[in-house]
């Protein structure tokens, strides 16, 4: 696994405001062919 932390605004601009939303905070787990992606919001939305 590779892990990284990104600022909230930068993450929203890249993946979209729907999946990255502190007002509707959800963890997303994406399943692919031999690959996986997960993202979630930390530090009260920072």
ModelCIF file with pLDDT and N, C-alpha, C, O atoms, coordinates in Angstrom:
data_MODEL
#
_entry.id   MODEL 
#
_entity.id                         1 
_entity.type                       polymer 
_entity.pdbx_number_of_molecules   1 
#
_entity_poly.entity_id                      1 
_entity_poly.type                           'polypeptide(L)' 
_entity_poly.nstd_linkage                   no 
_entity_poly.nstd_monomer                   no 
_entity_poly.pdbx_seq_one_letter_code       
;(UNK)(UNK)(UNK)(UNK)(UNK)(UNK)(UNK)(UNK)(UNK)(UNK)(UNK)(UNK)(UNK)(UNK)(UNK)(UNK)
(UNK)(UNK)(UNK)(UNK)(UNK)(UNK)(UNK)(UNK)(UNK)(UNK)(UNK)(UNK)(UNK)(UNK)(UNK)(UNK)
(UNK)(UNK)(UNK)(UNK)(UNK)(UNK)(UNK)(UNK)(UNK)(UNK)(UNK)(UNK)(UNK)(UNK)
;
_entity_poly.pdbx_seq_one_letter_code_can   XXXXXXXXXXXXXXXXXXXXXXXXXXXXXXXXXXXXXXXXXXXXXX 
_entity_poly.pdbx_strand_id                 A 
#
loop_
_entity_poly_seq.entity_id 
_entity_poly_seq.num 
_entity_poly_seq.mon_id 
_entity_poly_seq.hetero 
1 1  UNK n 
1 2  UNK n 
1 3  UNK n 
1 4  UNK n 
1 5  UNK n 
1 6  UNK n 
1 7  UNK n 
1 8  UNK n 
1 9  UNK n 
1 10 UNK n 
1 11 UNK n 
1 12 UNK n 
1 13 UNK n 
1 14 UNK n 
1 15 UNK n 
1 16 UNK n 
1 17 UNK n 
1 18 UNK n 
1 19 UNK n 
1 20 UNK n 
1 21 UNK n 
1 22 UNK n 
1 23 UNK n 
1 24 UNK n 
1 25 UNK n 
1 26 UNK n 
1 27 UNK n 
1 28 UNK n 
1 29 UNK n 
1 30 UNK n 
1 31 UNK n 
1 32 UNK n 
1 33 UNK n 
1 34 UNK n 
1 35 UNK n 
1 36 UNK n 
1 37 UNK n 
1 38 UNK n 
1 39 UNK n 
1 40 UNK n 
1 41 UNK n 
1 42 UNK n 
1 43 UNK n 
1 44 UNK n 
1 45 UNK n 
1 46 UNK n 
#
_struct_asym.id          A 
_struct_asym.entity_id   1 
#
loop_
_ma_qa_metric.id 
_ma_qa_metric.mode 
_ma_qa_metric.name 
_ma_qa_metric.software_group_id 
_ma_qa_metric.type 
1 global pLDDT . pLDDT 
2 local  pLDDT . pLDDT 
#
_ma_qa_metric_global.metric_id      1 
_ma_qa_metric_global.metric_value   89.30 
_ma_qa_metric_global.model_id       1 
_ma_qa_metric_global.ordinal_id     1 
#
loop_
_ma_qa_metric_local.label_asym_id 
_ma_qa_metric_local.label_comp_id 
_ma_qa_metric_local.label_seq_id 
_ma_qa_metric_local.metric_id 
_ma_qa_metric_local.metric_value 
_ma_qa_metric_local.model_id 
_ma_qa_metric_local.ordinal_id 
A UNK 1  2 97.00 1 1  
A UNK 2  2 96.00 1 2  
A UNK 3  2 93.00 1 3  
A UNK 4  2 92.00 1 4  
A UNK 5  2 90.00 1 5  
A UNK 6  2 92.00 1 6  
A UNK 7  2 93.00 1 7  
A UNK 8  2 92.00 1 8  
A UNK 9  2 92.00 1 9  
A UNK 10 2 92.00 1 10 
A UNK 11 2 91.00 1 11 
A UNK 12 2 91.00 1 12 
A UNK 13 2 90.00 1 13 
A UNK 14 2 89.00 1 14 
A UNK 15 2 88.00 1 15 
A UNK 16 2 86.00 1 16 
A UNK 17 2 88.00 1 17 
A UNK 18 2 86.00 1 18 
A UNK 19 2 87.00 1 19 
A UNK 20 2 89.00 1 20 
A UNK 21 2 87.00 1 21 
A UNK 22 2 83.00 1 22 
A UNK 23 2 83.00 1 23 
A UNK 24 2 82.00 1 24 
A UNK 25 2 82.00 1 25 
A UNK 26 2 85.00 1 26 
A UNK 27 2 87.00 1 27 
A UNK 28 2 92.00 1 28 
A UNK 29 2 94.00 1 29 
A UNK 30 2 95.00 1 30 
A UNK 31 2 96.00 1 31 
A UNK 32 2 95.00 1 32 
A UNK 33 2 94.00 1 33 
A UNK 34 2 95.00 1 34 
A UNK 35 2 96.00 1 35 
A UNK 36 2 97.00 1 36 
A UNK 37 2 96.00 1 37 
A UNK 38 2 94.00 1 38 
A UNK 39 2 92.00 1 39 
A UNK 40 2 88.00 1 40 
A UNK 41 2 86.00 1 41 
A UNK 42 2 80.00 1 42 
A UNK 43 2 75.00 1 43 
A UNK 44 2 75.00 1 44 
A UNK 45 2 78.00 1 45 
A UNK 46 2 87.00 1 46 
#
loop_
_atom_site.group_PDB 
_atom_site.id 
_atom_site.type_symbol 
_atom_site.label_atom_id 
_atom_site.label_alt_id 
_atom_site.label_comp_id 
_atom_site.label_asym_id 
_atom_site.label_entity_id 
_atom_site.label_seq_id 
_atom_site.pdbx_PDB_ins_code 
_atom_site.Cartn_x 
_atom_site.Cartn_y 
_atom_site.Cartn_z 
_atom_site.occupancy 
_atom_site.B_iso_or_equiv 
_atom_site.pdbx_formal_charge 
_atom_site.auth_seq_id 
_atom_site.auth_comp_id 
_atom_site.auth_asym_id 
_atom_site.auth_atom_id 
_atom_site.pdbx_PDB_model_num 
ATOM 1   N N  . UNK A 1 1  ? 0.832   -1.205 0.000   1.00 97.00 ? 1  UNK A N  1 
ATOM 2   C CA . UNK A 1 1  ? 0.000   0.000  0.000   1.00 97.00 ? 1  UNK A CA 1 
ATOM 3   C C  . UNK A 1 1  ? 0.862   1.248  0.000   1.00 97.00 ? 1  UNK A C  1 
ATOM 4   O O  . UNK A 1 1  ? 1.954   1.270  0.567   1.00 97.00 ? 1  UNK A O  1 
ATOM 5   N N  . UNK A 1 2  ? 0.350   2.290  -0.649  1.00 96.00 ? 2  UNK A N  1 
ATOM 6   C CA . UNK A 1 2  ? 0.930   3.641  -0.613  1.00 96.00 ? 2  UNK A CA 1 
ATOM 7   C C  . UNK A 1 2  ? -0.095  4.549  0.033   1.00 96.00 ? 2  UNK A C  1 
ATOM 8   O O  . UNK A 1 2  ? -1.263  4.545  -0.356  1.00 96.00 ? 2  UNK A O  1 
ATOM 9   N N  . UNK A 1 3  ? 0.327   5.324  1.014   1.00 93.00 ? 3  UNK A N  1 
ATOM 10  C CA . UNK A 1 3  ? -0.586  6.201  1.734   1.00 93.00 ? 3  UNK A CA 1 
ATOM 11  C C  . UNK A 1 3  ? -0.101  7.642  1.656   1.00 93.00 ? 3  UNK A C  1 
ATOM 12  O O  . UNK A 1 3  ? 1.100   7.910  1.683   1.00 93.00 ? 3  UNK A O  1 
ATOM 13  N N  . UNK A 1 4  ? -1.053  8.564  1.560   1.00 92.00 ? 4  UNK A N  1 
ATOM 14  C CA . UNK A 1 4  ? -0.691  9.978  1.540   1.00 92.00 ? 4  UNK A CA 1 
ATOM 15  C C  . UNK A 1 4  ? -1.813  10.810 2.143   1.00 92.00 ? 4  UNK A C  1 
ATOM 16  O O  . UNK A 1 4  ? -2.976  10.405 2.133   1.00 92.00 ? 4  UNK A O  1 
ATOM 17  N N  . UNK A 1 5  ? -1.459  11.964 2.661   1.00 90.00 ? 5  UNK A N  1 
ATOM 18  C CA . UNK A 1 5  ? -2.431  12.929 3.172   1.00 90.00 ? 5  UNK A CA 1 
ATOM 19  C C  . UNK A 1 5  ? -2.404  14.167 2.284   1.00 90.00 ? 5  UNK A C  1 
ATOM 20  O O  . UNK A 1 5  ? -1.332  14.651 1.920   1.00 90.00 ? 5  UNK A O  1 
ATOM 21  N N  . UNK A 1 6  ? -3.579  14.677 1.936   1.00 92.00 ? 6  UNK A N  1 
ATOM 22  C CA . UNK A 1 6  ? -3.677  15.859 1.092   1.00 92.00 ? 6  UNK A CA 1 
ATOM 23  C C  . UNK A 1 6  ? -4.629  16.873 1.736   1.00 92.00 ? 6  UNK A C  1 
ATOM 24  O O  . UNK A 1 6  ? -5.573  16.491 2.428   1.00 92.00 ? 6  UNK A O  1 
ATOM 25  N N  . UNK A 1 7  ? -4.376  18.170 1.504   1.00 93.00 ? 7  UNK A N  1 
ATOM 26  C CA . UNK A 1 7  ? -5.315  19.183 2.004   1.00 93.00 ? 7  UNK A CA 1 
ATOM 27  C C  . UNK A 1 7  ? -6.713  18.950 1.436   1.00 93.00 ? 7  UNK A C  1 
ATOM 28  O O  . UNK A 1 7  ? -6.871  18.490 0.305   1.00 93.00 ? 7  UNK A O  1 
ATOM 29  N N  . UNK A 1 8  ? -7.707  19.273 2.230   1.00 92.00 ? 8  UNK A N  1 
ATOM 30  C CA . UNK A 1 8  ? -9.103  19.031 1.872   1.00 92.00 ? 8  UNK A CA 1 
ATOM 31  C C  . UNK A 1 8  ? -9.458  19.671 0.534   1.00 92.00 ? 8  UNK A C  1 
ATOM 32  O O  . UNK A 1 8  ? -10.064 19.018 -0.316  1.00 92.00 ? 8  UNK A O  1 
ATOM 33  N N  . UNK A 1 9  ? -9.096  20.928 0.332   1.00 92.00 ? 9  UNK A N  1 
ATOM 34  C CA . UNK A 1 9  ? -9.452  21.628 -0.908  1.00 92.00 ? 9  UNK A CA 1 
ATOM 35  C C  . UNK A 1 9  ? -8.796  20.983 -2.117  1.00 92.00 ? 9  UNK A C  1 
ATOM 36  O O  . UNK A 1 9  ? -9.417  20.863 -3.173  1.00 92.00 ? 9  UNK A O  1 
ATOM 37  N N  . UNK A 1 10 ? -7.547  20.568 -1.967  1.00 92.00 ? 10 UNK A N  1 
ATOM 38  C CA . UNK A 1 10 ? -6.836  19.929 -3.078  1.00 92.00 ? 10 UNK A CA 1 
ATOM 39  C C  . UNK A 1 10 ? -7.492  18.600 -3.442  1.00 92.00 ? 10 UNK A C  1 
ATOM 40  O O  . UNK A 1 10 ? -7.635  18.276 -4.621  1.00 92.00 ? 10 UNK A O  1 
ATOM 41  N N  . UNK A 1 11 ? -7.887  17.839 -2.436  1.00 91.00 ? 11 UNK A N  1 
ATOM 42  C CA . UNK A 1 11 ? -8.533  16.550 -2.693  1.00 91.00 ? 11 UNK A CA 1 
ATOM 43  C C  . UNK A 1 11 ? -9.888  16.743 -3.369  1.00 91.00 ? 11 UNK A C  1 
ATOM 44  O O  . UNK A 1 11 ? -10.231 16.016 -4.302  1.00 91.00 ? 11 UNK A O  1 
ATOM 45  N N  . UNK A 1 12 ? -10.655 17.721 -2.897  1.00 91.00 ? 12 UNK A N  1 
ATOM 46  C CA . UNK A 1 12 ? -11.959 18.007 -3.522  1.00 91.00 ? 12 UNK A CA 1 
ATOM 47  C C  . UNK A 1 12 ? -11.798 18.401 -4.982  1.00 91.00 ? 12 UNK A C  1 
ATOM 48  O O  . UNK A 1 12 ? -12.558 17.958 -5.844  1.00 91.00 ? 12 UNK A O  1 
ATOM 49  N N  . UNK A 1 13 ? -10.809 19.234 -5.250  1.00 90.00 ? 13 UNK A N  1 
ATOM 50  C CA . UNK A 1 13 ? -10.597 19.703 -6.623  1.00 90.00 ? 13 UNK A CA 1 
ATOM 51  C C  . UNK A 1 13 ? -10.222 18.557 -7.548  1.00 90.00 ? 13 UNK A C  1 
ATOM 52  O O  . UNK A 1 13 ? -10.505 18.603 -8.745  1.00 90.00 ? 13 UNK A O  1 
ATOM 53  N N  . UNK A 1 14 ? -9.588  17.533 -6.999  1.00 89.00 ? 14 UNK A N  1 
ATOM 54  C CA . UNK A 1 14 ? -9.124  16.431 -7.829  1.00 89.00 ? 14 UNK A CA 1 
ATOM 55  C C  . UNK A 1 14 ? -10.180 15.355 -8.020  1.00 89.00 ? 14 UNK A C  1 
ATOM 56  O O  . UNK A 1 14 ? -10.466 14.963 -9.151  1.00 89.00 ? 14 UNK A O  1 
ATOM 57  N N  . UNK A 1 15 ? -10.764 14.872 -6.925  1.00 88.00 ? 15 UNK A N  1 
ATOM 58  C CA . UNK A 1 15 ? -11.676 13.730 -7.039  1.00 88.00 ? 15 UNK A CA 1 
ATOM 59  C C  . UNK A 1 15 ? -13.147 14.135 -7.035  1.00 88.00 ? 15 UNK A C  1 
ATOM 60  O O  . UNK A 1 15 ? -14.011 13.337 -7.399  1.00 88.00 ? 15 UNK A O  1 
ATOM 61  N N  . UNK A 1 16 ? -13.438 15.379 -6.622  1.00 86.00 ? 16 UNK A N  1 
ATOM 62  C CA . UNK A 1 16 ? -14.811 15.857 -6.675  1.00 86.00 ? 16 UNK A CA 1 
ATOM 63  C C  . UNK A 1 16 ? -15.391 16.154 -5.303  1.00 86.00 ? 16 UNK A C  1 
ATOM 64  O O  . UNK A 1 16 ? -14.988 15.556 -4.305  1.00 86.00 ? 16 UNK A O  1 
ATOM 65  N N  . UNK A 1 17 ? -16.340 17.083 -5.260  1.00 88.00 ? 17 UNK A N  1 
ATOM 66  C CA . UNK A 1 17 ? -16.944 17.493 -3.992  1.00 88.00 ? 17 UNK A CA 1 
ATOM 67  C C  . UNK A 1 17 ? -17.942 16.475 -3.455  1.00 88.00 ? 17 UNK A C  1 
ATOM 68  O O  . UNK A 1 17 ? -18.261 16.497 -2.266  1.00 88.00 ? 17 UNK A O  1 
ATOM 69  N N  . UNK A 1 18 ? -18.439 15.586 -4.308  1.00 86.00 ? 18 UNK A N  1 
ATOM 70  C CA . UNK A 1 18 ? -19.363 14.554 -3.835  1.00 86.00 ? 18 UNK A CA 1 
ATOM 71  C C  . UNK A 1 18 ? -18.678 13.534 -2.947  1.00 86.00 ? 18 UNK A C  1 
ATOM 72  O O  . UNK A 1 18 ? -19.092 13.337 -1.805  1.00 86.00 ? 18 UNK A O  1 
ATOM 73  N N  . UNK A 1 19 ? -17.621 12.870 -3.455  1.00 87.00 ? 19 UNK A N  1 
ATOM 74  C CA . UNK A 1 19 ? -16.928 11.875 -2.630  1.00 87.00 ? 19 UNK A CA 1 
ATOM 75  C C  . UNK A 1 19 ? -16.150 12.465 -1.453  1.00 87.00 ? 19 UNK A C  1 
ATOM 76  O O  . UNK A 1 19 ? -15.959 11.787 -0.443  1.00 87.00 ? 19 UNK A O  1 
ATOM 77  N N  . UNK A 1 20 ? -15.695 13.727 -1.568  1.00 89.00 ? 20 UNK A N  1 
ATOM 78  C CA . UNK A 1 20 ? -14.937 14.356 -0.492  1.00 89.00 ? 20 UNK A CA 1 
ATOM 79  C C  . UNK A 1 20 ? -15.787 15.487 0.071   1.00 89.00 ? 20 UNK A C  1 
ATOM 80  O O  . UNK A 1 20 ? -15.826 16.580 -0.494  1.00 89.00 ? 20 UNK A O  1 
ATOM 81  N N  . UNK A 1 21 ? -16.464 15.226 1.179   1.00 87.00 ? 21 UNK A N  1 
ATOM 82  C CA . UNK A 1 21 ? -17.434 16.184 1.701   1.00 87.00 ? 21 UNK A CA 1 
ATOM 83  C C  . UNK A 1 21 ? -17.549 16.007 3.212   1.00 87.00 ? 21 UNK A C  1 
ATOM 84  O O  . UNK A 1 21 ? -18.103 15.010 3.674   1.00 87.00 ? 21 UNK A O  1 
ATOM 85  N N  . UNK A 1 22 ? -17.038 16.953 3.981   1.00 83.00 ? 22 UNK A N  1 
ATOM 86  C CA . UNK A 1 22 ? -17.070 16.852 5.429   1.00 83.00 ? 22 UNK A CA 1 
ATOM 87  C C  . UNK A 1 22 ? -18.499 16.882 5.956   1.00 83.00 ? 22 UNK A C  1 
ATOM 88  O O  . UNK A 1 22 ? -18.767 16.355 7.036   1.00 83.00 ? 22 UNK A O  1 
ATOM 89  N N  . UNK A 1 23 ? -19.417 17.489 5.216   1.00 83.00 ? 23 UNK A N  1 
ATOM 90  C CA . UNK A 1 23 ? -20.816 17.543 5.643   1.00 83.00 ? 23 UNK A CA 1 
ATOM 91  C C  . UNK A 1 23 ? -21.512 16.192 5.451   1.00 83.00 ? 23 UNK A C  1 
ATOM 92  O O  . UNK A 1 23 ? -22.531 15.921 6.086   1.00 83.00 ? 23 UNK A O  1 
ATOM 93  N N  . UNK A 1 24 ? -20.970 15.359 4.587   1.00 82.00 ? 24 UNK A N  1 
ATOM 94  C CA . UNK A 1 24 ? -21.501 14.018 4.350   1.00 82.00 ? 24 UNK A CA 1 
ATOM 95  C C  . UNK A 1 24 ? -20.309 13.055 4.344   1.00 82.00 ? 24 UNK A C  1 
ATOM 96  O O  . UNK A 1 24 ? -20.034 12.379 3.353   1.00 82.00 ? 24 UNK A O  1 
ATOM 97  N N  . UNK A 1 25 ? -19.609 13.018 5.491   1.00 82.00 ? 25 UNK A N  1 
ATOM 98  C CA . UNK A 1 25 ? -18.330 12.310 5.574   1.00 82.00 ? 25 UNK A CA 1 
ATOM 99  C C  . UNK A 1 25 ? -18.524 10.810 5.458   1.00 82.00 ? 25 UNK A C  1 
ATOM 100 O O  . UNK A 1 25 ? -19.156 10.181 6.307   1.00 82.00 ? 25 UNK A O  1 
ATOM 101 N N  . UNK A 1 26 ? -17.974 10.253 4.404   1.00 85.00 ? 26 UNK A N  1 
ATOM 102 C CA . UNK A 1 26 ? -18.042 8.813  4.177   1.00 85.00 ? 26 UNK A CA 1 
ATOM 103 C C  . UNK A 1 26 ? -16.678 8.324  3.717   1.00 85.00 ? 26 UNK A C  1 
ATOM 104 O O  . UNK A 1 26 ? -15.910 9.052  3.089   1.00 85.00 ? 26 UNK A O  1 
ATOM 105 N N  . UNK A 1 27 ? -16.404 7.078  4.048   1.00 87.00 ? 27 UNK A N  1 
ATOM 106 C CA . UNK A 1 27 ? -15.196 6.441  3.544   1.00 87.00 ? 27 UNK A CA 1 
ATOM 107 C C  . UNK A 1 27 ? -15.551 5.736  2.243   1.00 87.00 ? 27 UNK A C  1 
ATOM 108 O O  . UNK A 1 27 ? -16.542 5.010  2.167   1.00 87.00 ? 27 UNK A O  1 
ATOM 109 N N  . UNK A 1 28 ? -14.731 5.960  1.222   1.00 92.00 ? 28 UNK A N  1 
ATOM 110 C CA . UNK A 1 28 ? -14.953 5.329  -0.082  1.00 92.00 ? 28 UNK A CA 1 
ATOM 111 C C  . UNK A 1 28 ? -13.893 4.270  -0.322  1.00 92.00 ? 28 UNK A C  1 
ATOM 112 O O  . UNK A 1 28 ? -12.702 4.516  -0.133  1.00 92.00 ? 28 UNK A O  1 
ATOM 113 N N  . UNK A 1 29 ? -14.334 3.088  -0.740  1.00 94.00 ? 29 UNK A N  1 
ATOM 114 C CA . UNK A 1 29 ? -13.438 1.996  -1.100  1.00 94.00 ? 29 UNK A CA 1 
ATOM 115 C C  . UNK A 1 29 ? -13.763 1.572  -2.527  1.00 94.00 ? 29 UNK A C  1 
ATOM 116 O O  . UNK A 1 29 ? -14.864 1.095  -2.803  1.00 94.00 ? 29 UNK A O  1 
ATOM 117 N N  . UNK A 1 30 ? -12.790 1.748  -3.443  1.00 95.00 ? 30 UNK A N  1 
ATOM 118 C CA . UNK A 1 30 ? -12.974 1.464  -4.859  1.00 95.00 ? 30 UNK A CA 1 
ATOM 119 C C  . UNK A 1 30 ? -12.235 0.178  -5.220  1.00 95.00 ? 30 UNK A C  1 
ATOM 120 O O  . UNK A 1 30 ? -11.049 0.035  -4.923  1.00 95.00 ? 30 UNK A O  1 
ATOM 121 N N  . UNK A 1 31 ? -12.939 -0.755 -5.861  1.00 96.00 ? 31 UNK A N  1 
ATOM 122 C CA . UNK A 1 31 ? -12.404 -2.065 -6.215  1.00 96.00 ? 31 UNK A CA 1 
ATOM 123 C C  . UNK A 1 31 ? -12.134 -2.120 -7.716  1.00 96.00 ? 31 UNK A C  1 
ATOM 124 O O  . UNK A 1 31 ? -13.012 -1.820 -8.525  1.00 96.00 ? 31 UNK A O  1 
ATOM 125 N N  . UNK A 1 32 ? -10.911 -2.507 -8.077  1.00 95.00 ? 32 UNK A N  1 
ATOM 126 C CA . UNK A 1 32 ? -10.563 -2.633 -9.487  1.00 95.00 ? 32 UNK A CA 1 
ATOM 127 C C  . UNK A 1 32 ? -9.862  -3.946 -9.768  1.00 95.00 ? 32 UNK A C  1 
ATOM 128 O O  . UNK A 1 32 ? -9.748  -4.798 -8.886  1.00 95.00 ? 32 UNK A O  1 
ATOM 129 N N  . UNK A 1 33 ? -9.401  -4.109 -10.972 1.00 94.00 ? 33 UNK A N  1 
ATOM 130 C CA . UNK A 1 33 ? -8.731  -5.331 -11.403 1.00 94.00 ? 33 UNK A CA 1 
ATOM 131 C C  . UNK A 1 33 ? -7.279  -5.308 -10.943 1.00 94.00 ? 33 UNK A C  1 
ATOM 132 O O  . UNK A 1 33 ? -6.410  -4.770 -11.628 1.00 94.00 ? 33 UNK A O  1 
ATOM 133 N N  . UNK A 1 34 ? -7.026  -5.894 -9.782  1.00 95.00 ? 34 UNK A N  1 
ATOM 134 C CA . UNK A 1 34 ? -5.681  -5.915 -9.225  1.00 95.00 ? 34 UNK A CA 1 
ATOM 135 C C  . UNK A 1 34 ? -5.263  -4.634 -8.533  1.00 95.00 ? 34 UNK A C  1 
ATOM 136 O O  . UNK A 1 34 ? -4.094  -4.485 -8.177  1.00 95.00 ? 34 UNK A O  1 
ATOM 137 N N  . UNK A 1 35 ? -6.180  -3.710 -8.333  1.00 96.00 ? 35 UNK A N  1 
ATOM 138 C CA . UNK A 1 35 ? -5.846  -2.436 -7.691  1.00 96.00 ? 35 UNK A CA 1 
ATOM 139 C C  . UNK A 1 35 ? -7.016  -1.957 -6.840  1.00 96.00 ? 35 UNK A C  1 
ATOM 140 O O  . UNK A 1 35 ? -8.161  -2.358 -7.048  1.00 96.00 ? 35 UNK A O  1 
ATOM 141 N N  . UNK A 1 36 ? -6.710  -1.099 -5.888  1.00 97.00 ? 36 UNK A N  1 
ATOM 142 C CA . UNK A 1 36 ? -7.675  -0.650 -4.879  1.00 97.00 ? 36 UNK A CA 1 
ATOM 143 C C  . UNK A 1 36 ? -7.385  0.809  -4.543  1.00 97.00 ? 36 UNK A C  1 
ATOM 144 O O  . UNK A 1 36 ? -6.233  1.244  -4.565  1.00 97.00 ? 36 UNK A O  1 
ATOM 145 N N  . UNK A 1 37 ? -8.433  1.554  -4.235  1.00 96.00 ? 37 UNK A N  1 
ATOM 146 C CA . UNK A 1 37 ? -8.302  2.950  -3.818  1.00 96.00 ? 37 UNK A CA 1 
ATOM 147 C C  . UNK A 1 37 ? -9.262  3.215  -2.672  1.00 96.00 ? 37 UNK A C  1 
ATOM 148 O O  . UNK A 1 37 ? -10.435 2.846  -2.732  1.00 96.00 ? 37 UNK A O  1 
ATOM 149 N N  . UNK A 1 38 ? -8.753  3.860  -1.625  1.00 94.00 ? 38 UNK A N  1 
ATOM 150 C CA . UNK A 1 38 ? -9.600  4.247  -0.498  1.00 94.00 ? 38 UNK A CA 1 
ATOM 151 C C  . UNK A 1 38 ? -9.314  5.702  -0.151  1.00 94.00 ? 38 UNK A C  1 
ATOM 152 O O  . UNK A 1 38 ? -8.168  6.144  -0.229  1.00 94.00 ? 38 UNK A O  1 
ATOM 153 N N  . UNK A 1 39 ? -10.353 6.455  0.235   1.00 92.00 ? 39 UNK A N  1 
ATOM 154 C CA . UNK A 1 39 ? -10.131 7.813  0.728   1.00 92.00 ? 39 UNK A CA 1 
ATOM 155 C C  . UNK A 1 39 ? -11.151 8.150  1.800   1.00 92.00 ? 39 UNK A C  1 
ATOM 156 O O  . UNK A 1 39 ? -12.296 7.699  1.756   1.00 92.00 ? 39 UNK A O  1 
ATOM 157 N N  . UNK A 1 40 ? -10.712 8.961  2.775   1.00 88.00 ? 40 UNK A N  1 
ATOM 158 C CA . UNK A 1 40 ? -11.597 9.425  3.842   1.00 88.00 ? 40 UNK A CA 1 
ATOM 159 C C  . UNK A 1 40 ? -11.096 10.757 4.382   1.00 88.00 ? 40 UNK A C  1 
ATOM 160 O O  . UNK A 1 40 ? -9.946  11.139 4.169   1.00 88.00 ? 40 UNK A O  1 
ATOM 161 N N  . UNK A 1 41 ? -11.976 11.451 5.081   1.00 86.00 ? 41 UNK A N  1 
ATOM 162 C CA . UNK A 1 41 ? -11.699 12.796 5.602   1.00 86.00 ? 41 UNK A CA 1 
ATOM 163 C C  . UNK A 1 41 ? -11.178 12.690 7.033   1.00 86.00 ? 41 UNK A C  1 
ATOM 164 O O  . UNK A 1 41 ? -11.696 11.916 7.837   1.00 86.00 ? 41 UNK A O  1 
ATOM 165 N N  . UNK A 1 42 ? -10.133 13.487 7.343   1.00 80.00 ? 42 UNK A N  1 
ATOM 166 C CA . UNK A 1 42 ? -9.526  13.483 8.673   1.00 80.00 ? 42 UNK A CA 1 
ATOM 167 C C  . UNK A 1 42 ? -9.510  14.886 9.261   1.00 80.00 ? 42 UNK A C  1 
ATOM 168 O O  . UNK A 1 42 ? -9.828  15.875 8.601   1.00 80.00 ? 42 UNK A O  1 
ATOM 169 N N  . UNK A 1 43 ? -9.120  14.927 10.545  1.00 75.00 ? 43 UNK A N  1 
ATOM 170 C CA . UNK A 1 43 ? -8.855  16.195 11.244  1.00 75.00 ? 43 UNK A CA 1 
ATOM 171 C C  . UNK A 1 43 ? -9.968  17.218 11.041  1.00 75.00 ? 43 UNK A C  1 
ATOM 172 O O  . UNK A 1 43 ? -9.724  18.376 10.701  1.00 75.00 ? 43 UNK A O  1 
ATOM 173 N N  . UNK A 1 44 ? -11.196 16.753 11.261  1.00 75.00 ? 44 UNK A N  1 
ATOM 174 C CA . UNK A 1 44 ? -12.375 17.619 11.197  1.00 75.00 ? 44 UNK A CA 1 
ATOM 175 C C  . UNK A 1 44 ? -12.464 18.365 9.865   1.00 75.00 ? 44 UNK A C  1 
ATOM 176 O O  . UNK A 1 44 ? -12.894 19.517 9.804   1.00 75.00 ? 44 UNK A O  1 
ATOM 177 N N  . UNK A 1 45 ? -12.046 17.673 8.801   1.00 78.00 ? 45 UNK A N  1 
ATOM 178 C CA . UNK A 1 45 ? -12.198 18.227 7.470   1.00 78.00 ? 45 UNK A CA 1 
ATOM 179 C C  . UNK A 1 45 ? -10.995 18.983 6.944   1.00 78.00 ? 45 UNK A C  1 
ATOM 180 O O  . UNK A 1 45 ? -11.085 19.607 5.887   1.00 78.00 ? 45 UNK A O  1 
ATOM 181 N N  . UNK A 1 46 ? -9.879  18.949 7.638   1.00 87.00 ? 46 UNK A N  1 
ATOM 182 C CA . UNK A 1 46 ? -8.695  19.652 7.162   1.00 87.00 ? 46 UNK A CA 1 
ATOM 183 C C  . UNK A 1 46 ? -7.889  18.824 6.164   1.00 87.00 ? 46 UNK A C  1 
ATOM 184 O O  . UNK A 1 46 ? -6.859  19.283 5.670   1.00 87.00 ? 46 UNK A O  1 
#
